Amino acid sequence: GKKAIIVYGELELYGCQKTFNTRLLEPVQPGESTLVLDRNPDWDQNDQIIISSTSVDGSETEIHSIDSISGNRVILRSVFLKYLG
């Protein structure tokens, strides 16, 4: 489903100018740690990324740390940090 941020006043967002949105080219099964993406992200080792599902269930969202990157192939650390939601 679509999500939105509604602001009644002023909103300021700060962050780095890195790849913020990408999609998987290949499906990932539970326990796998390799992501093949539709682009080469400009992330670095030890960066944290949020992985969300296509459902509206926020408990399916995870935060992972990047172990290594080669082109569009991202290797995650074996244990995710936590579920959101």
PDB file of N, CA and C in Angstrom:
ATOM      1  N   GLY A   1       0.797  -1.167   0.000  1.00  0.00           N
ATOM      2  CA  GLY A   1       0.000   0.000   0.000  1.00  0.00           C
ATOM      3  C   GLY A   1       0.854   1.251   0.000  1.00  0.00           C
ATOM      4  N   LYS A   2       0.262   2.329  -0.327  1.00  0.00           N
ATOM      5  CA  LYS A   2       0.967   3.605  -0.363  1.00  0.00           C
ATOM      6  C   LYS A   2       1.107   4.153   1.039  1.00  0.00           C
ATOM      7  N   LYS A   3       2.190   4.840   1.267  1.00  0.00           N
ATOM      8  CA  LYS A   3       2.446   5.464   2.555  1.00  0.00           C
ATOM      9  C   LYS A   3       2.702   6.948   2.315  1.00  0.00           C
ATOM     10  N   ALA A   4       2.489   7.746   3.330  1.00  0.00           N
ATOM     11  CA  ALA A   4       2.677   9.182   3.188  1.00  0.00           C
ATOM     12  C   ALA A   4       3.148   9.773   4.505  1.00  0.00           C
ATOM     13  N   ILE A   5       3.763  10.931   4.410  1.00  0.00           N
ATOM     14  CA  ILE A   5       4.107  11.720   5.580  1.00  0.00           C
ATOM     15  C   ILE A   5       3.240  12.973   5.507  1.00  0.00           C
ATOM     16  N   ILE A   6       2.457  13.188   6.521  1.00  0.00           N
ATOM     17  CA  ILE A   6       1.592  14.368   6.569  1.00  0.00           C
ATOM     18  C   ILE A   6       2.171  15.320   7.599  1.00  0.00           C
ATOM     19  N   VAL A   7       2.362  16.555   7.193  1.00  0.00           N
ATOM     20  CA  VAL A   7       2.967  17.546   8.072  1.00  0.00           C
ATOM     21  C   VAL A   7       2.052  18.754   8.153  1.00  0.00           C
ATOM     22  N   TYR A   8       1.702  19.138   9.354  1.00  0.00           N
ATOM     23  CA  TYR A   8       0.935  20.358   9.584  1.00  0.00           C
ATOM     24  C   TYR A   8       1.887  21.355  10.232  1.00  0.00           C
ATOM     25  N   GLY A   9       2.732  21.932   9.440  1.00  0.00           N
ATOM     26  CA  GLY A   9       3.742  22.841   9.967  1.00  0.00           C
ATOM     27  C   GLY A   9       4.976  22.771   9.102  1.00  0.00           C
ATOM     28  N   GLU A  10       6.118  22.490   9.714  1.00  0.00           N
ATOM     29  CA  GLU A  10       7.393  22.498   9.005  1.00  0.00           C
ATOM     30  C   GLU A  10       8.082  21.151   9.155  1.00  0.00           C
ATOM     31  N   LEU A  11       8.692  20.671   8.068  1.00  0.00           N
ATOM     32  CA  LEU A  11       9.427  19.416   8.081  1.00  0.00           C
ATOM     33  C   LEU A  11      10.800  19.640   7.475  1.00  0.00           C
ATOM     34  N   GLU A  12      11.831  19.212   8.162  1.00  0.00           N
ATOM     35  CA  GLU A  12      13.185  19.261   7.634  1.00  0.00           C
ATOM     36  C   GLU A  12      13.761  17.855   7.704  1.00  0.00           C
ATOM     37  N   LEU A  13      14.247  17.355   6.588  1.00  0.00           N
ATOM     38  CA  LEU A  13      14.859  16.030   6.530  1.00  0.00           C
ATOM     39  C   LEU A  13      16.327  16.185   6.198  1.00  0.00           C
ATOM     40  N   TYR A  14      17.169  15.444   6.887  1.00  0.00           N
ATOM     41  CA  TYR A  14      18.604  15.502   6.669  1.00  0.00           C
ATOM     42  C   TYR A  14      19.126  14.090   6.446  1.00  0.00           C
ATOM     43  N   GLY A  15      20.127  13.969   5.639  1.00  0.00           N
ATOM     44  CA  GLY A  15      20.724  12.658   5.414  1.00  0.00           C
ATOM     45  C   GLY A  15      21.734  12.730   4.292  1.00  0.00           C
ATOM     46  N   CYS A  16      22.310  11.605   4.001  1.00  0.00           N
ATOM     47  CA  CYS A  16      23.309  11.552   2.941  1.00  0.00           C
ATOM     48  C   CYS A  16      22.619  11.385   1.595  1.00  0.00           C
ATOM     49  N   GLN A  17      23.297  11.740   0.555  1.00  0.00           N
ATOM     50  CA  GLN A  17      22.763  11.643  -0.801  1.00  0.00           C
ATOM     51  C   GLN A  17      23.187  10.322  -1.431  1.00  0.00           C
ATOM     52  N   LYS A  18      22.719   9.222  -0.872  1.00  0.00           N
ATOM     53  CA  LYS A  18      23.042   7.898  -1.402  1.00  0.00           C
ATOM     54  C   LYS A  18      21.785   7.262  -1.969  1.00  0.00           C
ATOM     55  N   THR A  19      21.962   6.133  -2.642  1.00  0.00           N
ATOM     56  CA  THR A  19      20.839   5.385  -3.185  1.00  0.00           C
ATOM     57  C   THR A  19      19.847   5.111  -2.066  1.00  0.00           C
ATOM     58  N   PHE A  20      18.601   5.499  -2.252  1.00  0.00           N
ATOM     59  CA  PHE A  20      17.618   5.325  -1.188  1.00  0.00           C
ATOM     60  C   PHE A  20      16.518   4.346  -1.566  1.00  0.00           C
ATOM     61  N   ASN A  21      16.464   3.932  -2.815  1.00  0.00           N
ATOM     62  CA  ASN A  21      15.386   3.055  -3.237  1.00  0.00           C
ATOM     63  C   ASN A  21      15.892   2.177  -4.369  1.00  0.00           C
ATOM     64  N   THR A  22      15.720   0.884  -4.241  1.00  0.00           N
ATOM     65  CA  THR A  22      16.108  -0.048  -5.294  1.00  0.00           C
ATOM     66  C   THR A  22      15.236  -1.291  -5.185  1.00  0.00           C
ATOM     67  N   ARG A  23      15.268  -2.129  -6.178  1.00  0.00           N
ATOM     68  CA  ARG A  23      14.457  -3.356  -6.189  1.00  0.00           C
ATOM     69  C   ARG A  23      15.347  -4.569  -6.414  1.00  0.00           C
ATOM     70  N   LEU A  24      14.838  -5.708  -5.994  1.00  0.00           N
ATOM     71  CA  LEU A  24      15.553  -6.967  -6.200  1.00  0.00           C
ATOM     72  C   LEU A  24      15.376  -7.441  -7.637  1.00  0.00           C
ATOM     73  N   LEU A  25      16.469  -7.944  -8.235  1.00  0.00           N
ATOM     74  CA  LEU A  25      16.374  -8.589  -9.541  1.00  0.00           C
ATOM     75  C   LEU A  25      16.104 -10.078  -9.392  1.00  0.00           C
ATOM     76  N   GLU A  26      16.501 -10.639  -8.261  1.00  0.00           N
ATOM     77  CA  GLU A  26      16.310 -12.061  -7.997  1.00  0.00           C
ATOM     78  C   GLU A  26      15.635 -12.220  -6.636  1.00  0.00           C
ATOM     79  N   PRO A  27      14.733 -13.199  -6.508  1.00  0.00           N
ATOM     80  CA  PRO A  27      14.075 -13.413  -5.212  1.00  0.00           C
ATOM     81  C   PRO A  27      15.074 -13.851  -4.149  1.00  0.00           C
ATOM     82  N   VAL A  28      14.756 -13.562  -2.893  1.00  0.00           N
ATOM     83  CA  VAL A  28      15.609 -13.931  -1.761  1.00  0.00           C
ATOM     84  C   VAL A  28      14.797 -14.806  -0.819  1.00  0.00           C
ATOM     85  N   GLN A  29      15.365 -15.930  -0.453  1.00  0.00           N
ATOM     86  CA  GLN A  29      14.709 -16.853   0.463  1.00  0.00           C
ATOM     87  C   GLN A  29      15.149 -16.551   1.894  1.00  0.00           C
ATOM     88  N   PRO A  30      14.341 -16.923   2.891  1.00  0.00           N
ATOM     89  CA  PRO A  30      14.741 -16.712   4.292  1.00  0.00           C
ATOM     90  C   PRO A  30      16.106 -17.337   4.570  1.00  0.00           C
ATOM     91  N   GLY A  31      16.946 -16.590   5.251  1.00  0.00           N
ATOM     92  CA  GLY A  31      18.280 -17.074   5.591  1.00  0.00           C
ATOM     93  C   GLY A  31      19.363 -16.741   4.583  1.00  0.00           C
ATOM     94  N   GLU A  32      18.985 -16.326   3.374  1.00  0.00           N
ATOM     95  CA  GLU A  32      19.980 -15.938   2.377  1.00  0.00           C
ATOM     96  C   GLU A  32      20.531 -14.565   2.713  1.00  0.00           C
ATOM     97  N   SER A  33      21.775 -14.329   2.337  1.00  0.00           N
ATOM     98  CA  SER A  33      22.405 -13.055   2.680  1.00  0.00           C
ATOM     99  C   SER A  33      22.858 -12.265   1.461  1.00  0.00           C
ATOM    100  N   THR A  34      22.561 -12.736   0.255  1.00  0.00           N
ATOM    101  CA  THR A  34      22.966 -12.030  -0.961  1.00  0.00           C
ATOM    102  C   THR A  34      21.759 -11.418  -1.642  1.00  0.00           C
ATOM    103  N   LEU A  35      21.860 -10.125  -1.938  1.00  0.00           N
ATOM    104  CA  LEU A  35      20.821  -9.406  -2.679  1.00  0.00           C
ATOM    105  C   LEU A  35      21.380  -9.034  -4.044  1.00  0.00           C
ATOM    106  N   VAL A  36      20.616  -9.297  -5.104  1.00  0.00           N
ATOM    107  CA  VAL A  36      20.985  -8.840  -6.443  1.00  0.00           C
ATOM    108  C   VAL A  36      19.980  -7.755  -6.805  1.00  0.00           C
ATOM    109  N   LEU A  37      20.489  -6.526  -6.964  1.00  0.00           N
ATOM    110  CA  LEU A  37      19.638  -5.344  -7.119  1.00  0.00           C
ATOM    111  C   LEU A  37      19.529  -4.901  -8.567  1.00  0.00           C
ATOM    112  N   ASP A  38      18.580  -4.014  -8.844  1.00  0.00           N
ATOM    113  CA  ASP A  38      18.377  -3.509 -10.202  1.00  0.00           C
ATOM    114  C   ASP A  38      19.337  -2.376 -10.567  1.00  0.00           C
ATOM    115  N   ARG A  39      20.235  -2.031  -9.673  1.00  0.00           N
ATOM    116  CA  ARG A  39      21.244  -0.984  -9.947  1.00  0.00           C
ATOM    117  C   ARG A  39      22.433  -1.189  -9.013  1.00  0.00           C
ATOM    118  N   ASN A  40      23.517  -0.514  -9.302  1.00  0.00           N
ATOM    119  CA  ASN A  40      24.690  -0.544  -8.434  1.00  0.00           C
ATOM    120  C   ASN A  40      24.532   0.542  -7.381  1.00  0.00           C
ATOM    121  N   PRO A  41      24.273   0.172  -6.124  1.00  0.00           N
ATOM    122  CA  PRO A  41      24.090   1.201  -5.098  1.00  0.00           C
ATOM    123  C   PRO A  41      25.424   1.833  -4.712  1.00  0.00           C
ATOM    124  N   ASP A  42      25.361   3.047  -4.194  1.00  0.00           N
ATOM    125  CA  ASP A  42      26.578   3.726  -3.748  1.00  0.00           C
ATOM    126  C   ASP A  42      26.748   3.603  -2.233  1.00  0.00           C
ATOM    127  N   TRP A  43      26.345   2.461  -1.689  1.00  0.00           N
ATOM    128  CA  TRP A  43      26.473   2.195  -0.267  1.00  0.00           C
ATOM    129  C   TRP A  43      27.881   1.723   0.047  1.00  0.00           C
ATOM    130  N   ASP A  44      28.225   1.729   1.316  1.00  0.00           N
ATOM    131  CA  ASP A  44      29.542   1.293   1.765  1.00  0.00           C
ATOM    132  C   ASP A  44      29.407   0.137   2.751  1.00  0.00           C
ATOM    133  N   GLN A  45      30.505  -0.566   2.935  1.00  0.00           N
ATOM    134  CA  GLN A  45      30.544  -1.621   3.944  1.00  0.00           C
ATOM    135  C   GLN A  45      30.179  -1.008   5.290  1.00  0.00           C
ATOM    136  N   ASN A  46      29.407  -1.730   6.085  1.00  0.00           N
ATOM    137  CA  ASN A  46      28.915  -1.333   7.411  1.00  0.00           C
ATOM    138  C   ASN A  46      27.748  -0.351   7.368  1.00  0.00           C
ATOM    139  N   ASP A  47      27.352   0.136   6.188  1.00  0.00           N
ATOM    140  CA  ASP A  47      26.122   0.935   6.114  1.00  0.00           C
ATOM    141  C   ASP A  47      24.960   0.057   6.537  1.00  0.00           C
ATOM    142  N   GLN A  48      23.927   0.669   7.061  1.00  0.00           N
ATOM    143  CA  GLN A  48      22.720  -0.063   7.421  1.00  0.00           C
ATOM    144  C   GLN A  48      21.638   0.246   6.399  1.00  0.00           C
ATOM    145  N   ILE A  49      20.903  -0.789   5.990  1.00  0.00           N
ATOM    146  CA  ILE A  49      19.811  -0.602   5.042  1.00  0.00           C
ATOM    147  C   ILE A  49      18.535  -1.188   5.639  1.00  0.00           C
ATOM    148  N   ILE A  50      17.422  -0.641   5.220  1.00  0.00           N
ATOM    149  CA  ILE A  50      16.116  -1.141   5.640  1.00  0.00           C
ATOM    150  C   ILE A  50      15.536  -1.925   4.474  1.00  0.00           C
ATOM    151  N   ILE A  51      15.096  -3.131   4.765  1.00  0.00           N
ATOM    152  CA  ILE A  51      14.494  -3.988   3.744  1.00  0.00           C
ATOM    153  C   ILE A  51      13.024  -4.165   4.108  1.00  0.00           C
ATOM    154  N   SER A  52      12.163  -3.773   3.186  1.00  0.00           N
ATOM    155  CA  SER A  52      10.732  -3.894   3.446  1.00  0.00           C
ATOM    156  C   SER A  52      10.122  -4.882   2.465  1.00  0.00           C
ATOM    157  N   SER A  53       8.989  -5.435   2.847  1.00  0.00           N
ATOM    158  CA  SER A  53       8.293  -6.369   1.969  1.00  0.00           C
ATOM    159  C   SER A  53       7.306  -5.598   1.102  1.00  0.00           C
ATOM    160  N   THR A  54       6.628  -6.312   0.239  1.00  0.00           N
ATOM    161  CA  THR A  54       5.605  -5.679  -0.589  1.00  0.00           C
ATOM    162  C   THR A  54       4.258  -5.651   0.122  1.00  0.00           C
ATOM    163  N   SER A  55       4.184  -6.222   1.315  1.00  0.00           N
ATOM    164  CA  SER A  55       2.931  -6.207   2.065  1.00  0.00           C
ATOM    165  C   SER A  55       2.842  -4.927   2.898  1.00  0.00           C
ATOM    166  N   VAL A  56       1.741  -4.737   3.558  1.00  0.00           N
ATOM    167  CA  VAL A  56       1.566  -3.569   4.423  1.00  0.00           C
ATOM    168  C   VAL A  56       1.898  -3.900   5.873  1.00  0.00           C
ATOM    169  N   ASP A  57       2.382  -5.096   6.136  1.00  0.00           N
ATOM    170  CA  ASP A  57       2.720  -5.532   7.491  1.00  0.00           C
ATOM    171  C   ASP A  57       4.102  -5.002   7.875  1.00  0.00           C
ATOM    172  N   GLY A  58       4.133  -3.991   8.729  1.00  0.00           N
ATOM    173  CA  GLY A  58       5.397  -3.383   9.140  1.00  0.00           C
ATOM    174  C   GLY A  58       6.321  -4.320   9.874  1.00  0.00           C
ATOM    175  N   SER A  59       5.787  -5.410  10.430  1.00  0.00           N
ATOM    176  CA  SER A  59       6.649  -6.352  11.164  1.00  0.00           C
ATOM    177  C   SER A  59       7.524  -7.162  10.216  1.00  0.00           C
ATOM    178  N   GLU A  60       7.290  -7.080   8.912  1.00  0.00           N
ATOM    179  CA  GLU A  60       8.116  -7.780   7.932  1.00  0.00           C
ATOM    180  C   GLU A  60       9.317  -6.949   7.497  1.00  0.00           C
ATOM    181  N   THR A  61       9.475  -5.767   8.030  1.00  0.00           N
ATOM    182  CA  THR A  61      10.586  -4.885   7.693  1.00  0.00           C
ATOM    183  C   THR A  61      11.784  -5.201   8.577  1.00  0.00           C
ATOM    184  N   GLU A  62      12.981  -5.207   7.970  1.00  0.00           N
ATOM    185  CA  GLU A  62      14.205  -5.544   8.698  1.00  0.00           C
ATOM    186  C   GLU A  62      15.277  -4.491   8.445  1.00  0.00           C
ATOM    187  N   ILE A  63      16.199  -4.358   9.404  1.00  0.00           N
ATOM    188  CA  ILE A  63      17.380  -3.520   9.239  1.00  0.00           C
ATOM    189  C   ILE A  63      18.587  -4.452   9.177  1.00  0.00           C
ATOM    190  N   HIS A  64      19.411  -4.286   8.146  1.00  0.00           N
ATOM    191  CA  HIS A  64      20.599  -5.116   7.974  1.00  0.00           C
ATOM    192  C   HIS A  64      21.827  -4.233   7.829  1.00  0.00           C
ATOM    193  N   SER A  65      22.983  -4.769   8.171  1.00  0.00           N
ATOM    194  CA  SER A  65      24.259  -4.119   7.899  1.00  0.00           C
ATOM    195  C   SER A  65      24.882  -4.773   6.677  1.00  0.00           C
ATOM    196  N   ILE A  66      25.553  -3.980   5.874  1.00  0.00           N
ATOM    197  CA  ILE A  66      26.188  -4.481   4.660  1.00  0.00           C
ATOM    198  C   ILE A  66      27.567  -5.020   5.002  1.00  0.00           C
ATOM    199  N   ASP A  67      27.822  -6.246   4.545  1.00  0.00           N
ATOM    200  CA  ASP A  67      29.128  -6.861   4.738  1.00  0.00           C
ATOM    201  C   ASP A  67      30.055  -6.484   3.581  1.00  0.00           C
ATOM    202  N   SER A  68      29.545  -6.578   2.332  1.00  0.00           N
ATOM    203  CA  SER A  68      30.341  -6.192   1.173  1.00  0.00           C
ATOM    204  C   SER A  68      29.427  -5.925  -0.017  1.00  0.00           C
ATOM    205  N   ILE A  69      29.980  -5.221  -1.008  1.00  0.00           N
ATOM    206  CA  ILE A  69      29.241  -4.896  -2.226  1.00  0.00           C
ATOM    207  C   ILE A  69      30.158  -5.104  -3.420  1.00  0.00           C
ATOM    208  N   SER A  70      29.611  -5.720  -4.458  1.00  0.00           N
ATOM    209  CA  SER A  70      30.326  -5.867  -5.726  1.00  0.00           C
ATOM    210  C   SER A  70      29.325  -5.601  -6.842  1.00  0.00           C
ATOM    211  N   GLY A  71      29.408  -4.419  -7.450  1.00  0.00           N
ATOM    212  CA  GLY A  71      28.448  -4.051  -8.485  1.00  0.00           C
ATOM    213  C   GLY A  71      27.053  -3.953  -7.905  1.00  0.00           C
ATOM    214  N   ASN A  72      26.125  -4.753  -8.461  1.00  0.00           N
ATOM    215  CA  ASN A  72      24.748  -4.731  -7.964  1.00  0.00           C
ATOM    216  C   ASN A  72      24.479  -5.873  -6.987  1.00  0.00           C
ATOM    217  N   ARG A  73      25.519  -6.554  -6.553  1.00  0.00           N
ATOM    218  CA  ARG A  73      25.394  -7.676  -5.612  1.00  0.00           C
ATOM    219  C   ARG A  73      25.821  -7.213  -4.219  1.00  0.00           C
ATOM    220  N   VAL A  74      24.891  -7.311  -3.259  1.00  0.00           N
ATOM    221  CA  VAL A  74      25.132  -6.855  -1.887  1.00  0.00           C
ATOM    222  C   VAL A  74      25.107  -8.067  -0.959  1.00  0.00           C
ATOM    223  N   ILE A  75      26.143  -8.217  -0.153  1.00  0.00           N
ATOM    224  CA  ILE A  75      26.206  -9.295   0.835  1.00  0.00           C
ATOM    225  C   ILE A  75      25.905  -8.686   2.198  1.00  0.00           C
ATOM    226  N   LEU A  76      24.906  -9.247   2.874  1.00  0.00           N
ATOM    227  CA  LEU A  76      24.507  -8.759   4.190  1.00  0.00           C
ATOM    228  C   LEU A  76      25.193  -9.563   5.281  1.00  0.00           C
ATOM    229  N   ARG A  77      25.334  -8.962   6.443  1.00  0.00           N
ATOM    230  CA  ARG A  77      25.808  -9.724   7.601  1.00  0.00           C
ATOM    231  C   ARG A  77      24.808 -10.826   7.877  1.00  0.00           C
ATOM    232  N   SER A  78      25.240 -11.910   8.453  1.00  0.00           N
ATOM    233  CA  SER A  78      24.384 -13.091   8.600  1.00  0.00           C
ATOM    234  C   SER A  78      23.196 -12.867   9.535  1.00  0.00           C
ATOM    235  N   VAL A  79      23.279 -11.928  10.455  1.00  0.00           N
ATOM    236  CA  VAL A  79      22.193 -11.706  11.403  1.00  0.00           C
ATOM    237  C   VAL A  79      21.654 -10.295  11.211  1.00  0.00           C
ATOM    238  N   PHE A  80      20.350 -10.178  11.015  1.00  0.00           N
ATOM    239  CA  PHE A  80      19.764  -8.846  10.886  1.00  0.00           C
ATOM    240  C   PHE A  80      19.698  -8.192  12.260  1.00  0.00           C
ATOM    241  N   LEU A  81      19.648  -6.878  12.270  1.00  0.00           N
ATOM    242  CA  LEU A  81      19.704  -6.148  13.522  1.00  0.00           C
ATOM    243  C   LEU A  81      18.398  -6.205  14.282  1.00  0.00           C
ATOM    244  N   LYS A  82      17.277  -6.000  13.610  1.00  0.00           N
ATOM    245  CA  LYS A  82      15.994  -6.043  14.308  1.00  0.00           C
ATOM    246  C   LYS A  82      14.864  -5.901  13.304  1.00  0.00           C
ATOM    247  N   TYR A  83      13.693  -6.284  13.742  1.00  0.00           N
ATOM    248  CA  TYR A  83      12.478  -6.014  12.989  1.00  0.00           C
ATOM    249  C   TYR A  83      11.968  -4.639  13.407  1.00  0.00           C
ATOM    250  N   LEU A  84      11.368  -3.956  12.480  1.00  0.00           N
ATOM    251  CA  LEU A  84      10.679  -2.711  12.810  1.00  0.00           C
ATOM    252  C   LEU A  84       9.211  -3.029  13.011  1.00  0.00           C
ATOM    253  N   GLY A  85       8.536  -2.218  13.764  1.00  0.00           N
ATOM    254  CA  GLY A  85       7.100  -2.399  13.856  1.00  0.00           C
ATOM    255  C   GLY A  85       6.691  -2.988  15.102  1.00  0.00           C
TER     256      GLY A  85
END
